[in-house]
Amino acid sequence: MLRDYVDRALRRAKYEILEDGSVCAMVPGLRGVIAHADTVEACRAQLAEVVEEWVLVRVARGLRVPAIDGVRVRVRKAV
């Protein structure tokens, strides 16, 4: 489920080549999710990590994780 969520987020990602040739990426709708690297490939890999960490932090804090293209992160209460 988390992997599907990250994959969907990466499909929505917007990339920008900066003046120095480095790459910046963000995912619209996921506030604060941004990555910066020297190449598109490295930026995409970093962005995947950022999305995953962003989801985990939101879950840990009891915050809502917005659905992306119908994919939701569901959290079960520990027994």
PDB file of N, CA and C in Angstrom:
ATOM      1  N   MET A   1       0.824  -1.192   0.000  1.00  0.00           N
ATOM      2  CA  MET A   1       0.000   0.000   0.000  1.00  0.00           C
ATOM      3  C   MET A   1       0.868   1.256   0.000  1.00  0.00           C
ATOM      4  N   LEU A   2       1.879   1.310   0.852  1.00  0.00           N
ATOM      5  CA  LEU A   2       2.748   2.487   0.887  1.00  0.00           C
ATOM      6  C   LEU A   2       3.513   2.621  -0.421  1.00  0.00           C
ATOM      7  N   ARG A   3       3.983   1.493  -0.952  1.00  0.00           N
ATOM      8  CA  ARG A   3       4.720   1.512  -2.221  1.00  0.00           C
ATOM      9  C   ARG A   3       3.830   2.051  -3.345  1.00  0.00           C
ATOM     10  N   ASP A   4       2.559   1.619  -3.380  1.00  0.00           N
ATOM     11  CA  ASP A   4       1.622   2.118  -4.389  1.00  0.00           C
ATOM     12  C   ASP A   4       1.432   3.620  -4.249  1.00  0.00           C
ATOM     13  N   TYR A   5       1.319   4.082  -3.016  1.00  0.00           N
ATOM     14  CA  TYR A   5       1.127   5.504  -2.756  1.00  0.00           C
ATOM     15  C   TYR A   5       2.325   6.304  -3.261  1.00  0.00           C
ATOM     16  N   VAL A   6       3.520   5.838  -2.941  1.00  0.00           N
ATOM     17  CA  VAL A   6       4.741   6.527  -3.382  1.00  0.00           C
ATOM     18  C   VAL A   6       4.808   6.539  -4.908  1.00  0.00           C
ATOM     19  N   ASP A   7       4.502   5.412  -5.539  1.00  0.00           N
ATOM     20  CA  ASP A   7       4.528   5.343  -7.008  1.00  0.00           C
ATOM     21  C   ASP A   7       3.553   6.335  -7.630  1.00  0.00           C
ATOM     22  N   ARG A   8       2.365   6.433  -7.071  1.00  0.00           N
ATOM     23  CA  ARG A   8       1.371   7.389  -7.591  1.00  0.00           C
ATOM     24  C   ARG A   8       1.840   8.824  -7.391  1.00  0.00           C
ATOM     25  N   ALA A   9       2.438   9.086  -6.251  1.00  0.00           N
ATOM     26  CA  ALA A   9       2.955  10.432  -5.985  1.00  0.00           C
ATOM     27  C   ALA A   9       4.037  10.789  -6.996  1.00  0.00           C
ATOM     28  N   LEU A  10       4.917   9.843  -7.305  1.00  0.00           N
ATOM     29  CA  LEU A  10       5.992  10.111  -8.266  1.00  0.00           C
ATOM     30  C   LEU A  10       5.439  10.382  -9.661  1.00  0.00           C
ATOM     31  N   ARG A  11       4.330   9.756 -10.004  1.00  0.00           N
ATOM     32  CA  ARG A  11       3.706  10.024 -11.315  1.00  0.00           C
ATOM     33  C   ARG A  11       3.188  11.457 -11.409  1.00  0.00           C
ATOM     34  N   ARG A  12       2.821  12.035 -10.268  1.00  0.00           N
ATOM     35  CA  ARG A  12       2.314  13.414 -10.233  1.00  0.00           C
ATOM     36  C   ARG A  12       3.419  14.460 -10.099  1.00  0.00           C
ATOM     37  N   ALA A  13       4.617  14.012  -9.843  1.00  0.00           N
ATOM     38  CA  ALA A  13       5.724  14.929  -9.541  1.00  0.00           C
ATOM     39  C   ALA A  13       5.979  15.911 -10.681  1.00  0.00           C
ATOM     40  N   LYS A  14       6.355  17.106 -10.286  1.00  0.00           N
ATOM     41  CA  LYS A  14       6.738  18.164 -11.227  1.00  0.00           C
ATOM     42  C   LYS A  14       8.225  18.422 -11.036  1.00  0.00           C
ATOM     43  N   TYR A  15       8.964  18.383 -12.129  1.00  0.00           N
ATOM     44  CA  TYR A  15      10.416  18.568 -12.081  1.00  0.00           C
ATOM     45  C   TYR A  15      10.796  19.884 -12.740  1.00  0.00           C
ATOM     46  N   GLU A  16      11.830  20.500 -12.216  1.00  0.00           N
ATOM     47  CA  GLU A  16      12.329  21.754 -12.780  1.00  0.00           C
ATOM     48  C   GLU A  16      13.853  21.693 -12.813  1.00  0.00           C
ATOM     49  N   ILE A  17      14.406  22.012 -13.974  1.00  0.00           N
ATOM     50  CA  ILE A  17      15.856  22.112 -14.104  1.00  0.00           C
ATOM     51  C   ILE A  17      16.236  23.532 -13.685  1.00  0.00           C
ATOM     52  N   LEU A  18      17.096  23.644 -12.705  1.00  0.00           N
ATOM     53  CA  LEU A  18      17.503  24.947 -12.189  1.00  0.00           C
ATOM     54  C   LEU A  18      18.659  25.525 -12.997  1.00  0.00           C
ATOM     55  N   GLU A  19      18.950  26.790 -12.781  1.00  0.00           N
ATOM     56  CA  GLU A  19      20.001  27.488 -13.537  1.00  0.00           C
ATOM     57  C   GLU A  19      21.353  26.797 -13.452  1.00  0.00           C
ATOM     58  N   ASP A  20      21.643  26.192 -12.312  1.00  0.00           N
ATOM     59  CA  ASP A  20      22.943  25.528 -12.143  1.00  0.00           C
ATOM     60  C   ASP A  20      22.957  24.106 -12.711  1.00  0.00           C
ATOM     61  N   GLY A  21      21.845  23.685 -13.328  1.00  0.00           N
ATOM     62  CA  GLY A  21      21.758  22.361 -13.932  1.00  0.00           C
ATOM     63  C   GLY A  21      21.218  21.293 -13.003  1.00  0.00           C
ATOM     64  N   SER A  22      21.051  21.620 -11.744  1.00  0.00           N
ATOM     65  CA  SER A  22      20.495  20.647 -10.804  1.00  0.00           C
ATOM     66  C   SER A  22      18.979  20.556 -11.003  1.00  0.00           C
ATOM     67  N   VAL A  23      18.376  19.592 -10.348  1.00  0.00           N
ATOM     68  CA  VAL A  23      16.956  19.316 -10.539  1.00  0.00           C
ATOM     69  C   VAL A  23      16.219  19.437  -9.211  1.00  0.00           C
ATOM     70  N   CYS A  24      15.064  20.071  -9.268  1.00  0.00           N
ATOM     71  CA  CYS A  24      14.192  20.219  -8.106  1.00  0.00           C
ATOM     72  C   CYS A  24      12.860  19.562  -8.467  1.00  0.00           C
ATOM     73  N   ALA A  25      12.268  18.844  -7.523  1.00  0.00           N
ATOM     74  CA  ALA A  25      10.984  18.189  -7.781  1.00  0.00           C
ATOM     75  C   ALA A  25      10.066  18.356  -6.583  1.00  0.00           C
ATOM     76  N   MET A  26       8.773  18.389  -6.874  1.00  0.00           N
ATOM     77  CA  MET A  26       7.751  18.486  -5.835  1.00  0.00           C
ATOM     78  C   MET A  26       6.535  17.697  -6.280  1.00  0.00           C
ATOM     79  N   VAL A  27       5.674  17.386  -5.324  1.00  0.00           N
ATOM     80  CA  VAL A  27       4.432  16.689  -5.628  1.00  0.00           C
ATOM     81  C   VAL A  27       3.279  17.613  -5.253  1.00  0.00           C
ATOM     82  N   PRO A  28       2.530  18.100  -6.248  1.00  0.00           N
ATOM     83  CA  PRO A  28       1.386  18.959  -5.943  1.00  0.00           C
ATOM     84  C   PRO A  28       0.412  18.251  -4.992  1.00  0.00           C
ATOM     85  N   GLY A  29      -0.040  18.972  -3.992  1.00  0.00           N
ATOM     86  CA  GLY A  29      -0.979  18.418  -3.033  1.00  0.00           C
ATOM     87  C   GLY A  29      -0.339  17.815  -1.799  1.00  0.00           C
ATOM     88  N   LEU A  30       0.986  17.607  -1.844  1.00  0.00           N
ATOM     89  CA  LEU A  30       1.691  17.074  -0.678  1.00  0.00           C
ATOM     90  C   LEU A  30       2.607  18.173  -0.162  1.00  0.00           C
ATOM     91  N   ARG A  31       2.071  18.969   0.732  1.00  0.00           N
ATOM     92  CA  ARG A  31       2.776  20.146   1.243  1.00  0.00           C
ATOM     93  C   ARG A  31       4.110  19.777   1.898  1.00  0.00           C
ATOM     94  N   GLY A  32       5.160  20.444   1.460  1.00  0.00           N
ATOM     95  CA  GLY A  32       6.479  20.240   2.035  1.00  0.00           C
ATOM     96  C   GLY A  32       7.280  19.118   1.406  1.00  0.00           C
ATOM     97  N   VAL A  33       6.680  18.405   0.452  1.00  0.00           N
ATOM     98  CA  VAL A  33       7.393  17.310  -0.214  1.00  0.00           C
ATOM     99  C   VAL A  33       8.169  17.895  -1.383  1.00  0.00           C
ATOM    100  N   ILE A  34       9.489  17.950  -1.228  1.00  0.00           N
ATOM    101  CA  ILE A  34      10.361  18.531  -2.242  1.00  0.00           C
ATOM    102  C   ILE A  34      11.708  17.821  -2.188  1.00  0.00           C
ATOM    103  N   ALA A  35      12.334  17.701  -3.344  1.00  0.00           N
ATOM    104  CA  ALA A  35      13.655  17.066  -3.417  1.00  0.00           C
ATOM    105  C   ALA A  35      14.532  17.883  -4.353  1.00  0.00           C
ATOM    106  N   HIS A  36      15.832  17.769  -4.154  1.00  0.00           N
ATOM    107  CA  HIS A  36      16.804  18.499  -4.963  1.00  0.00           C
ATOM    108  C   HIS A  36      18.023  17.605  -5.147  1.00  0.00           C
ATOM    109  N   ALA A  37      18.476  17.455  -6.399  1.00  0.00           N
ATOM    110  CA  ALA A  37      19.640  16.607  -6.667  1.00  0.00           C
ATOM    111  C   ALA A  37      20.302  17.055  -7.970  1.00  0.00           C
ATOM    112  N   ASP A  38      21.422  16.423  -8.283  1.00  0.00           N
ATOM    113  CA  ASP A  38      22.182  16.790  -9.481  1.00  0.00           C
ATOM    114  C   ASP A  38      21.571  16.268 -10.774  1.00  0.00           C
ATOM    115  N   THR A  39      20.834  15.149 -10.711  1.00  0.00           N
ATOM    116  CA  THR A  39      20.235  14.562 -11.914  1.00  0.00           C
ATOM    117  C   THR A  39      18.762  14.261 -11.672  1.00  0.00           C
ATOM    118  N   VAL A  40      18.022  14.058 -12.759  1.00  0.00           N
ATOM    119  CA  VAL A  40      16.609  13.707 -12.641  1.00  0.00           C
ATOM    120  C   VAL A  40      16.462  12.377 -11.902  1.00  0.00           C
ATOM    121  N   GLU A  41      17.307  11.411 -12.243  1.00  0.00           N
ATOM    122  CA  GLU A  41      17.220  10.094 -11.607  1.00  0.00           C
ATOM    123  C   GLU A  41      17.461  10.188 -10.099  1.00  0.00           C
ATOM    124  N   ALA A  42      18.486  10.928  -9.713  1.00  0.00           N
ATOM    125  CA  ALA A  42      18.794  11.090  -8.291  1.00  0.00           C
ATOM    126  C   ALA A  42      17.684  11.859  -7.584  1.00  0.00           C
ATOM    127  N   CYS A  43      17.126  12.832  -8.264  1.00  0.00           N
ATOM    128  CA  CYS A  43      16.047  13.629  -7.681  1.00  0.00           C
ATOM    129  C   CYS A  43      14.806  12.760  -7.474  1.00  0.00           C
ATOM    130  N   ARG A  44      14.504  11.923  -8.446  1.00  0.00           N
ATOM    131  CA  ARG A  44      13.351  11.019  -8.329  1.00  0.00           C
ATOM    132  C   ARG A  44      13.537  10.050  -7.157  1.00  0.00           C
ATOM    133  N   ALA A  45      14.728   9.501  -7.019  1.00  0.00           N
ATOM    134  CA  ALA A  45      15.001   8.576  -5.912  1.00  0.00           C
ATOM    135  C   ALA A  45      14.856   9.289  -4.569  1.00  0.00           C
ATOM    136  N   GLN A  46      15.380  10.498  -4.494  1.00  0.00           N
ATOM    137  CA  GLN A  46      15.276  11.266  -3.253  1.00  0.00           C
ATOM    138  C   GLN A  46      13.818  11.618  -2.971  1.00  0.00           C
ATOM    139  N   LEU A  47      13.078  11.979  -4.016  1.00  0.00           N
ATOM    140  CA  LEU A  47      11.673  12.337  -3.844  1.00  0.00           C
ATOM    141  C   LEU A  47      10.875  11.142  -3.315  1.00  0.00           C
ATOM    142  N   ALA A  48      11.171   9.950  -3.787  1.00  0.00           N
ATOM    143  CA  ALA A  48      10.492   8.746  -3.290  1.00  0.00           C
ATOM    144  C   ALA A  48      10.716   8.592  -1.790  1.00  0.00           C
ATOM    145  N   GLU A  49      11.939   8.807  -1.337  1.00  0.00           N
ATOM    146  CA  GLU A  49      12.249   8.724   0.097  1.00  0.00           C
ATOM    147  C   GLU A  49      11.504   9.798   0.881  1.00  0.00           C
ATOM    148  N   VAL A  50      11.459  11.001   0.324  1.00  0.00           N
ATOM    149  CA  VAL A  50      10.781  12.114   1.007  1.00  0.00           C
ATOM    150  C   VAL A  50       9.288  11.825   1.140  1.00  0.00           C
ATOM    151  N   VAL A  51       8.661  11.308   0.084  1.00  0.00           N
ATOM    152  CA  VAL A  51       7.231  10.986   0.143  1.00  0.00           C
ATOM    153  C   VAL A  51       6.979   9.933   1.221  1.00  0.00           C
ATOM    154  N   GLU A  52       7.792   8.892   1.231  1.00  0.00           N
ATOM    155  CA  GLU A  52       7.613   7.828   2.222  1.00  0.00           C
ATOM    156  C   GLU A  52       7.762   8.372   3.644  1.00  0.00           C
ATOM    157  N   GLU A  53       8.782   9.159   3.880  1.00  0.00           N
ATOM    158  CA  GLU A  53       8.991   9.744   5.210  1.00  0.00           C
ATOM    159  C   GLU A  53       7.857  10.691   5.582  1.00  0.00           C
ATOM    160  N   TRP A  54       7.372  11.459   4.612  1.00  0.00           N
ATOM    161  CA  TRP A  54       6.270  12.392   4.834  1.00  0.00           C
ATOM    162  C   TRP A  54       5.028  11.633   5.303  1.00  0.00           C
ATOM    163  N   VAL A  55       4.730  10.520   4.627  1.00  0.00           N
ATOM    164  CA  VAL A  55       3.577   9.701   5.009  1.00  0.00           C
ATOM    165  C   VAL A  55       3.757   9.160   6.425  1.00  0.00           C
ATOM    166  N   LEU A  56       4.926   8.618   6.724  1.00  0.00           N
ATOM    167  CA  LEU A  56       5.172   8.031   8.044  1.00  0.00           C
ATOM    168  C   LEU A  56       5.053   9.065   9.161  1.00  0.00           C
ATOM    169  N   VAL A  57       5.543  10.263   8.921  1.00  0.00           N
ATOM    170  CA  VAL A  57       5.431  11.330   9.926  1.00  0.00           C
ATOM    171  C   VAL A  57       3.970  11.709  10.135  1.00  0.00           C
ATOM    172  N   ARG A  58       3.222  11.828   9.056  1.00  0.00           N
ATOM    173  CA  ARG A  58       1.808  12.195   9.189  1.00  0.00           C
ATOM    174  C   ARG A  58       1.034  11.117   9.950  1.00  0.00           C
ATOM    175  N   VAL A  59       1.312   9.866   9.649  1.00  0.00           N
ATOM    176  CA  VAL A  59       0.639   8.771  10.354  1.00  0.00           C
ATOM    177  C   VAL A  59       1.006   8.806  11.835  1.00  0.00           C
ATOM    178  N   ALA A  60       2.276   8.982  12.134  1.00  0.00           N
ATOM    179  CA  ALA A  60       2.733   9.018  13.528  1.00  0.00           C
ATOM    180  C   ALA A  60       2.084  10.159  14.307  1.00  0.00           C
ATOM    181  N   ARG A  61       1.793  11.243  13.629  1.00  0.00           N
ATOM    182  CA  ARG A  61       1.184  12.405  14.292  1.00  0.00           C
ATOM    183  C   ARG A  61      -0.340  12.391  14.241  1.00  0.00           C
ATOM    184  N   GLY A  62      -0.898  11.365  13.635  1.00  0.00           N
ATOM    185  CA  GLY A  62      -2.350  11.256  13.551  1.00  0.00           C
ATOM    186  C   GLY A  62      -2.969  12.205  12.547  1.00  0.00           C
ATOM    187  N   LEU A  63      -2.186  12.641  11.574  1.00  0.00           N
ATOM    188  CA  LEU A  63      -2.672  13.562  10.548  1.00  0.00           C
ATOM    189  C   LEU A  63      -3.182  12.794   9.337  1.00  0.00           C
ATOM    190  N   ARG A  64      -4.093  13.400   8.634  1.00  0.00           N
ATOM    191  CA  ARG A  64      -4.669  12.793   7.435  1.00  0.00           C
ATOM    192  C   ARG A  64      -3.627  12.725   6.327  1.00  0.00           C
ATOM    193  N   VAL A  65      -3.638  11.620   5.599  1.00  0.00           N
ATOM    194  CA  VAL A  65      -2.800  11.466   4.408  1.00  0.00           C
ATOM    195  C   VAL A  65      -3.756  11.492   3.220  1.00  0.00           C
ATOM    196  N   PRO A  66      -3.656  12.509   2.354  1.00  0.00           N
ATOM    197  CA  PRO A  66      -4.602  12.615   1.245  1.00  0.00           C
ATOM    198  C   PRO A  66      -4.443  11.473   0.242  1.00  0.00           C
ATOM    199  N   ALA A  67      -5.559  11.026  -0.303  1.00  0.00           N
ATOM    200  CA  ALA A  67      -5.525   9.989  -1.340  1.00  0.00           C
ATOM    201  C   ALA A  67      -4.895  10.569  -2.601  1.00  0.00           C
ATOM    202  N   ILE A  68      -4.208   9.718  -3.338  1.00  0.00           N
ATOM    203  CA  ILE A  68      -3.653  10.112  -4.632  1.00  0.00           C
ATOM    204  C   ILE A  68      -4.178   9.126  -5.666  1.00  0.00           C
ATOM    205  N   ASP A  69      -4.939   9.637  -6.622  1.00  0.00           N
ATOM    206  CA  ASP A  69      -5.512   8.803  -7.683  1.00  0.00           C
ATOM    207  C   ASP A  69      -6.220   7.573  -7.114  1.00  0.00           C
ATOM    208  N   GLY A  70      -6.944   7.757  -6.028  1.00  0.00           N
ATOM    209  CA  GLY A  70      -7.703   6.674  -5.421  1.00  0.00           C
ATOM    210  C   GLY A  70      -6.915   5.786  -4.472  1.00  0.00           C
ATOM    211  N   VAL A  71      -5.615   5.985  -4.377  1.00  0.00           N
ATOM    212  CA  VAL A  71      -4.788   5.179  -3.470  1.00  0.00           C
ATOM    213  C   VAL A  71      -4.744   5.868  -2.115  1.00  0.00           C
ATOM    214  N   ARG A  72      -5.126   5.126  -1.084  1.00  0.00           N
ATOM    215  CA  ARG A  72      -5.143   5.657   0.277  1.00  0.00           C
ATOM    216  C   ARG A  72      -4.179   4.873   1.158  1.00  0.00           C
ATOM    217  N   VAL A  73      -3.668   5.547   2.156  1.00  0.00           N
ATOM    218  CA  VAL A  73      -2.850   4.886   3.170  1.00  0.00           C
ATOM    219  C   VAL A  73      -3.780   4.600   4.335  1.00  0.00           C
ATOM    220  N   ARG A  74      -3.969   3.341   4.620  1.00  0.00           N
ATOM    221  CA  ARG A  74      -4.855   2.943   5.717  1.00  0.00           C
ATOM    222  C   ARG A  74      -4.004   2.522   6.909  1.00  0.00           C
ATOM    223  N   VAL A  75      -4.402   2.975   8.073  1.00  0.00           N
ATOM    224  CA  VAL A  75      -3.660   2.677   9.294  1.00  0.00           C
ATOM    225  C   VAL A  75      -4.557   1.858  10.213  1.00  0.00           C
ATOM    226  N   ARG A  76      -4.026   0.740  10.661  1.00  0.00           N
ATOM    227  CA  ARG A  76      -4.759  -0.102  11.610  1.00  0.00           C
ATOM    228  C   ARG A  76      -4.262   0.183  13.014  1.00  0.00           C
ATOM    229  N   LYS A  77      -5.178   0.188  13.943  1.00  0.00           N
ATOM    230  CA  LYS A  77      -4.794   0.388  15.341  1.00  0.00           C
ATOM    231  C   LYS A  77      -4.139  -0.883  15.862  1.00  0.00           C
ATOM    232  N   ALA A  78      -3.078  -0.696  16.637  1.00  0.00           N
ATOM    233  CA  ALA A  78      -2.396  -1.840  17.239  1.00  0.00           C
ATOM    234  C   ALA A  78      -3.290  -2.464  18.300  1.00  0.00           C
ATOM    235  N   VAL A  79      -3.233  -3.757  18.395  1.00  0.00           N
ATOM    236  CA  VAL A  79      -4.069  -4.477  19.367  1.00  0.00           C
ATOM    237  C   VAL A  79      -3.263  -4.795  20.596  1.00  0.00           C
TER     238      VAL A  79
END
